[in-house]
N, C-alpha and C. Protein backbone atom coordinates (compact mmCIF):
# COMPACT_ATOMS: atom_id res chain seq x y z
N MET A 1 203.68 -132.91 31.30
CA MET A 1 203.52 -131.99 30.19
C MET A 1 204.49 -130.85 30.34
N SER A 2 204.99 -130.41 29.23
CA SER A 2 205.88 -129.27 29.26
C SER A 2 205.06 -127.98 29.20
N ASN A 3 205.72 -126.87 29.25
CA ASN A 3 205.03 -125.58 29.27
C ASN A 3 204.29 -125.28 27.99
N ASN A 4 204.72 -125.85 26.86
CA ASN A 4 204.06 -125.54 25.60
C ASN A 4 202.92 -126.52 25.28
N GLY A 5 202.54 -127.37 26.23
CA GLY A 5 201.41 -128.26 26.02
C GLY A 5 201.75 -129.59 25.41
N GLU A 6 203.02 -129.81 25.06
CA GLU A 6 203.41 -131.09 24.49
C GLU A 6 203.79 -132.04 25.60
N PRO A 7 203.49 -133.34 25.44
CA PRO A 7 203.85 -134.29 26.48
C PRO A 7 205.36 -134.46 26.55
N ASP A 8 205.86 -134.67 27.76
CA ASP A 8 207.28 -134.94 27.94
C ASP A 8 207.60 -136.33 27.42
N ASP A 9 208.86 -136.54 27.04
CA ASP A 9 209.26 -137.83 26.50
C ASP A 9 209.07 -138.96 27.51
N HIS A 10 209.27 -138.70 28.79
CA HIS A 10 209.15 -139.78 29.75
C HIS A 10 207.71 -140.19 29.98
N CYS A 11 206.74 -139.43 29.49
CA CYS A 11 205.33 -139.78 29.62
C CYS A 11 204.88 -140.68 28.48
N ARG A 12 205.64 -140.72 27.43
CA ARG A 12 205.24 -141.52 26.28
C ARG A 12 205.55 -142.97 26.53
N GLY A 13 204.64 -143.82 26.11
CA GLY A 13 204.86 -145.26 26.20
C GLY A 13 204.70 -145.88 24.84
N THR A 14 204.93 -147.15 24.76
CA THR A 14 204.73 -147.88 23.52
C THR A 14 203.51 -148.76 23.65
N ALA A 15 203.15 -149.40 22.56
CA ALA A 15 201.99 -150.26 22.56
C ALA A 15 202.19 -151.49 23.44
N ASP A 16 203.45 -151.88 23.67
CA ASP A 16 203.68 -153.07 24.48
C ASP A 16 203.74 -152.75 25.97
N GLY A 17 203.64 -151.48 26.34
CA GLY A 17 203.60 -151.10 27.73
C GLY A 17 204.96 -151.08 28.41
N ALA A 18 206.03 -151.28 27.68
CA ALA A 18 207.36 -151.34 28.28
C ALA A 18 207.88 -149.95 28.62
N GLY A 19 207.32 -148.91 28.04
CA GLY A 19 207.76 -147.56 28.34
C GLY A 19 208.93 -147.11 27.51
N GLY A 20 209.50 -147.98 26.68
CA GLY A 20 210.62 -147.61 25.84
C GLY A 20 210.16 -146.99 24.54
N ARG A 21 211.12 -146.47 23.80
CA ARG A 21 210.78 -145.85 22.52
C ARG A 21 210.90 -146.88 21.41
N ARG A 22 210.05 -146.77 20.41
CA ARG A 22 210.11 -147.66 19.27
C ARG A 22 211.24 -147.25 18.37
N GLY A 23 211.90 -148.23 17.79
CA GLY A 23 212.96 -147.96 16.84
C GLY A 23 212.38 -147.63 15.48
N GLN A 24 213.21 -147.07 14.62
CA GLN A 24 212.76 -146.70 13.28
C GLN A 24 212.30 -147.92 12.50
N ALA A 25 212.99 -149.04 12.65
CA ALA A 25 212.61 -150.25 11.92
C ALA A 25 211.23 -150.73 12.34
N GLU A 26 210.93 -150.65 13.61
CA GLU A 26 209.61 -151.07 14.09
C GLU A 26 208.52 -150.14 13.58
N ARG A 27 208.78 -148.84 13.58
CA ARG A 27 207.80 -147.89 13.05
C ARG A 27 207.58 -148.11 11.56
N ASP A 28 208.66 -148.38 10.82
CA ASP A 28 208.53 -148.66 9.40
C ASP A 28 207.72 -149.93 9.16
N ALA A 29 207.95 -150.95 9.98
CA ALA A 29 207.20 -152.21 9.83
C ALA A 29 205.72 -151.99 10.06
N VAL A 30 205.37 -151.18 11.05
CA VAL A 30 203.96 -150.88 11.32
C VAL A 30 203.35 -150.12 10.15
N THR A 31 204.10 -149.15 9.60
CA THR A 31 203.59 -148.38 8.47
C THR A 31 203.36 -149.26 7.25
N VAL A 32 204.29 -150.14 6.97
CA VAL A 32 204.14 -151.05 5.83
C VAL A 32 202.95 -151.98 6.05
N GLU A 33 202.79 -152.47 7.25
CA GLU A 33 201.68 -153.39 7.53
C GLU A 33 200.33 -152.69 7.40
N ILE A 34 200.24 -151.44 7.82
CA ILE A 34 199.00 -150.69 7.66
C ILE A 34 198.71 -150.47 6.18
N GLY A 35 199.74 -150.12 5.41
CA GLY A 35 199.56 -149.94 3.97
C GLY A 35 199.10 -151.22 3.30
N TYR A 36 199.72 -152.35 3.69
CA TYR A 36 199.31 -153.64 3.13
C TYR A 36 197.87 -153.96 3.50
N ALA A 37 197.50 -153.70 4.75
CA ALA A 37 196.13 -153.99 5.19
C ALA A 37 195.12 -153.19 4.39
N LEU A 38 195.40 -151.90 4.17
CA LEU A 38 194.46 -151.06 3.42
C LEU A 38 194.39 -151.45 1.95
N ALA A 39 195.55 -151.72 1.34
CA ALA A 39 195.56 -152.08 -0.08
C ALA A 39 194.88 -153.42 -0.33
N SER A 40 195.19 -154.42 0.49
CA SER A 40 194.57 -155.72 0.28
C SER A 40 193.09 -155.68 0.60
N ALA A 41 192.69 -154.87 1.59
CA ALA A 41 191.27 -154.74 1.91
C ALA A 41 190.52 -154.05 0.78
N ALA A 42 191.13 -153.04 0.17
CA ALA A 42 190.47 -152.37 -0.96
C ALA A 42 190.29 -153.33 -2.14
N PHE A 43 191.28 -154.17 -2.39
CA PHE A 43 191.17 -155.14 -3.48
C PHE A 43 190.06 -156.15 -3.21
N VAL A 44 190.03 -156.70 -2.00
CA VAL A 44 189.02 -157.70 -1.65
C VAL A 44 187.63 -157.08 -1.67
N ALA A 45 187.51 -155.85 -1.20
CA ALA A 45 186.21 -155.17 -1.22
C ALA A 45 185.74 -154.90 -2.64
N ALA A 46 186.67 -154.53 -3.52
CA ALA A 46 186.30 -154.29 -4.93
C ALA A 46 185.83 -155.58 -5.60
N VAL A 47 186.50 -156.67 -5.30
CA VAL A 47 186.08 -157.96 -5.86
C VAL A 47 184.70 -158.34 -5.34
N ALA A 48 184.47 -158.17 -4.04
CA ALA A 48 183.17 -158.51 -3.46
C ALA A 48 182.06 -157.64 -4.06
N PHE A 49 182.34 -156.35 -4.24
CA PHE A 49 181.35 -155.47 -4.86
C PHE A 49 181.08 -155.90 -6.30
N GLY A 50 182.14 -156.23 -7.02
CA GLY A 50 181.97 -156.65 -8.42
C GLY A 50 181.18 -157.93 -8.56
N VAL A 51 181.38 -158.86 -7.63
CA VAL A 51 180.64 -160.13 -7.69
C VAL A 51 179.15 -159.90 -7.47
N VAL A 52 178.81 -159.04 -6.52
CA VAL A 52 177.39 -158.82 -6.21
C VAL A 52 176.75 -157.85 -7.20
N ALA A 53 177.40 -156.74 -7.50
CA ALA A 53 176.79 -155.71 -8.34
C ALA A 53 177.11 -155.90 -9.82
N GLY A 54 178.03 -156.78 -10.16
CA GLY A 54 178.41 -156.99 -11.56
C GLY A 54 177.28 -157.36 -12.50
N PRO A 55 176.38 -158.24 -12.08
CA PRO A 55 175.28 -158.58 -12.98
C PRO A 55 174.42 -157.39 -13.39
N ALA A 56 174.41 -156.34 -12.59
CA ALA A 56 173.62 -155.15 -12.94
C ALA A 56 174.18 -154.48 -14.19
N LEU A 57 175.46 -154.66 -14.47
CA LEU A 57 176.05 -154.06 -15.67
C LEU A 57 175.74 -154.85 -16.94
N PHE A 58 175.65 -156.16 -16.81
CA PHE A 58 175.56 -157.02 -17.99
C PHE A 58 174.18 -157.56 -18.29
N LEU A 59 173.30 -157.53 -17.33
CA LEU A 59 171.96 -158.06 -17.54
C LEU A 59 170.94 -156.93 -17.60
N ASP A 60 169.87 -157.17 -18.33
CA ASP A 60 168.80 -156.19 -18.43
C ASP A 60 167.84 -156.40 -17.25
N LEU A 61 168.09 -155.66 -16.19
CA LEU A 61 167.32 -155.82 -14.96
C LEU A 61 166.51 -154.56 -14.68
N SER A 62 165.49 -154.71 -13.85
CA SER A 62 164.67 -153.55 -13.50
C SER A 62 165.48 -152.59 -12.63
N ARG A 63 165.00 -151.36 -12.56
CA ARG A 63 165.70 -150.33 -11.80
C ARG A 63 165.81 -150.70 -10.32
N GLY A 64 164.77 -151.28 -9.76
CA GLY A 64 164.78 -151.68 -8.35
C GLY A 64 165.79 -152.79 -8.08
N THR A 65 165.90 -153.73 -9.01
CA THR A 65 166.85 -154.83 -8.85
C THR A 65 168.28 -154.31 -8.93
N VAL A 66 168.54 -153.41 -9.86
CA VAL A 66 169.87 -152.83 -9.98
C VAL A 66 170.23 -152.08 -8.71
N ARG A 67 169.27 -151.31 -8.20
CA ARG A 67 169.53 -150.56 -6.97
C ARG A 67 169.80 -151.50 -5.79
N ALA A 68 169.05 -152.59 -5.70
CA ALA A 68 169.25 -153.55 -4.62
C ALA A 68 170.61 -154.22 -4.73
N LEU A 69 171.02 -154.58 -5.93
CA LEU A 69 172.33 -155.21 -6.12
C LEU A 69 173.47 -154.26 -5.76
N VAL A 70 173.37 -153.02 -6.21
CA VAL A 70 174.42 -152.05 -5.93
C VAL A 70 174.47 -151.73 -4.43
N THR A 71 173.33 -151.59 -3.80
CA THR A 71 173.29 -151.29 -2.37
C THR A 71 173.85 -152.46 -1.55
N SER A 72 173.41 -153.67 -1.86
CA SER A 72 173.92 -154.82 -1.11
C SER A 72 175.40 -155.06 -1.40
N GLY A 73 175.83 -154.79 -2.62
CA GLY A 73 177.25 -154.91 -2.95
C GLY A 73 178.09 -153.91 -2.19
N GLY A 74 177.59 -152.69 -2.05
CA GLY A 74 178.31 -151.67 -1.27
C GLY A 74 178.39 -152.03 0.20
N GLY A 75 177.31 -152.55 0.75
CA GLY A 75 177.32 -152.97 2.15
C GLY A 75 178.26 -154.13 2.38
N LEU A 76 178.25 -155.09 1.47
CA LEU A 76 179.16 -156.22 1.59
C LEU A 76 180.61 -155.77 1.45
N ALA A 77 180.87 -154.87 0.51
CA ALA A 77 182.23 -154.37 0.31
C ALA A 77 182.73 -153.64 1.56
N ALA A 78 181.88 -152.85 2.19
CA ALA A 78 182.29 -152.15 3.41
C ALA A 78 182.59 -153.13 4.54
N ALA A 79 181.76 -154.14 4.68
CA ALA A 79 181.97 -155.13 5.74
C ALA A 79 183.24 -155.94 5.49
N VAL A 80 183.46 -156.34 4.25
CA VAL A 80 184.66 -157.12 3.92
C VAL A 80 185.91 -156.28 4.11
N PHE A 81 185.84 -155.00 3.75
CA PHE A 81 186.98 -154.09 3.93
C PHE A 81 187.37 -154.01 5.41
N ALA A 82 186.39 -153.74 6.26
CA ALA A 82 186.67 -153.61 7.69
C ALA A 82 187.20 -154.92 8.28
N LEU A 83 186.61 -156.03 7.87
CA LEU A 83 187.05 -157.33 8.38
C LEU A 83 188.47 -157.65 7.94
N ARG A 84 188.81 -157.34 6.71
CA ARG A 84 190.16 -157.62 6.21
C ARG A 84 191.20 -156.75 6.93
N VAL A 85 190.93 -155.46 7.10
CA VAL A 85 191.87 -154.59 7.81
C VAL A 85 192.08 -155.10 9.23
N ALA A 86 190.99 -155.42 9.92
CA ALA A 86 191.10 -155.90 11.30
C ALA A 86 191.87 -157.21 11.37
N THR A 87 191.62 -158.12 10.46
CA THR A 87 192.30 -159.41 10.47
C THR A 87 193.79 -159.24 10.25
N VAL A 88 194.18 -158.45 9.26
CA VAL A 88 195.60 -158.27 8.97
C VAL A 88 196.31 -157.59 10.13
N LEU A 89 195.71 -156.55 10.70
CA LEU A 89 196.38 -155.83 11.78
C LEU A 89 196.43 -156.63 13.07
N PHE A 90 195.39 -157.39 13.39
CA PHE A 90 195.43 -158.24 14.58
C PHE A 90 196.45 -159.35 14.42
N ARG A 91 196.55 -159.92 13.22
CA ARG A 91 197.55 -160.97 12.97
C ARG A 91 198.96 -160.40 13.12
N PHE A 92 199.18 -159.19 12.62
CA PHE A 92 200.49 -158.56 12.76
C PHE A 92 200.81 -158.27 14.22
N HIS A 93 199.83 -157.78 14.95
CA HIS A 93 200.04 -157.46 16.37
C HIS A 93 200.35 -158.73 17.16
N GLY A 94 199.66 -159.82 16.89
CA GLY A 94 199.90 -161.07 17.59
C GLY A 94 201.23 -161.70 17.24
N ALA A 95 201.67 -161.56 16.00
CA ALA A 95 202.94 -162.15 15.57
C ALA A 95 204.12 -161.35 16.10
N GLY A 96 203.95 -160.08 16.37
CA GLY A 96 205.05 -159.25 16.85
C GLY A 96 205.56 -159.68 18.21
N ALA A 97 204.69 -160.15 19.07
CA ALA A 97 205.10 -160.53 20.42
C ALA A 97 205.82 -161.87 20.42
N ALA A 98 205.42 -162.79 19.55
CA ALA A 98 205.99 -164.12 19.58
C ALA A 98 207.16 -164.28 18.60
N ALA A 99 207.38 -163.33 17.71
CA ALA A 99 208.39 -163.50 16.68
C ALA A 99 209.81 -163.29 17.22
N GLN A 100 209.97 -162.51 18.26
CA GLN A 100 211.28 -162.17 18.78
C GLN A 100 211.58 -163.03 20.01
N PRO A 101 212.65 -163.81 19.99
CA PRO A 101 212.99 -164.57 21.20
C PRO A 101 213.41 -163.62 22.32
N SER A 102 213.17 -164.04 23.56
CA SER A 102 213.49 -163.17 24.69
C SER A 102 214.99 -163.00 24.87
N GLN A 103 215.76 -164.01 24.47
CA GLN A 103 217.21 -163.91 24.57
C GLN A 103 217.79 -164.13 23.18
N PRO A 104 218.53 -163.18 22.65
CA PRO A 104 219.09 -163.32 21.31
C PRO A 104 219.96 -164.57 21.22
N GLY A 105 219.83 -165.26 20.11
CA GLY A 105 220.62 -166.46 19.87
C GLY A 105 219.92 -167.73 20.33
N ARG A 106 218.89 -167.60 21.12
CA ARG A 106 218.16 -168.78 21.60
C ARG A 106 216.90 -168.92 20.76
N THR A 107 216.71 -170.08 20.17
CA THR A 107 215.57 -170.26 19.27
C THR A 107 214.50 -171.15 19.86
N ARG A 108 214.85 -171.99 20.82
CA ARG A 108 213.85 -172.87 21.42
C ARG A 108 213.43 -172.32 22.77
N PRO A 109 212.15 -172.44 23.14
CA PRO A 109 211.70 -171.90 24.42
C PRO A 109 212.35 -172.58 25.62
N ASP A 110 212.77 -173.85 25.48
CA ASP A 110 213.33 -174.57 26.63
C ASP A 110 214.84 -174.44 26.73
N SER A 111 215.49 -173.69 25.86
CA SER A 111 216.95 -173.58 25.92
C SER A 111 217.39 -172.43 26.80
């Protein structure tokens, strides 16, 4: 740590544990992937909520039934949102390690 409380550059590491600094392209890719995960999760959650709570808008149902549909739709939407974000980000994290060959120009593992 430096005198002003900020960590020194040599103390910072990356997610891969290599100790190097991330390039701008890699940071941009992570930012885009997070944005995609949140946007697609919001869409899927809205569809799930609409499927469960939608009948409450179009059918003449009792107040308790409408409340149950809206509550269960909200719970399902929250669960689907979290699952979608986790799935997209874990898939991105797993693909990042295997997408880059260890030696540039070599495409097969046995070459």
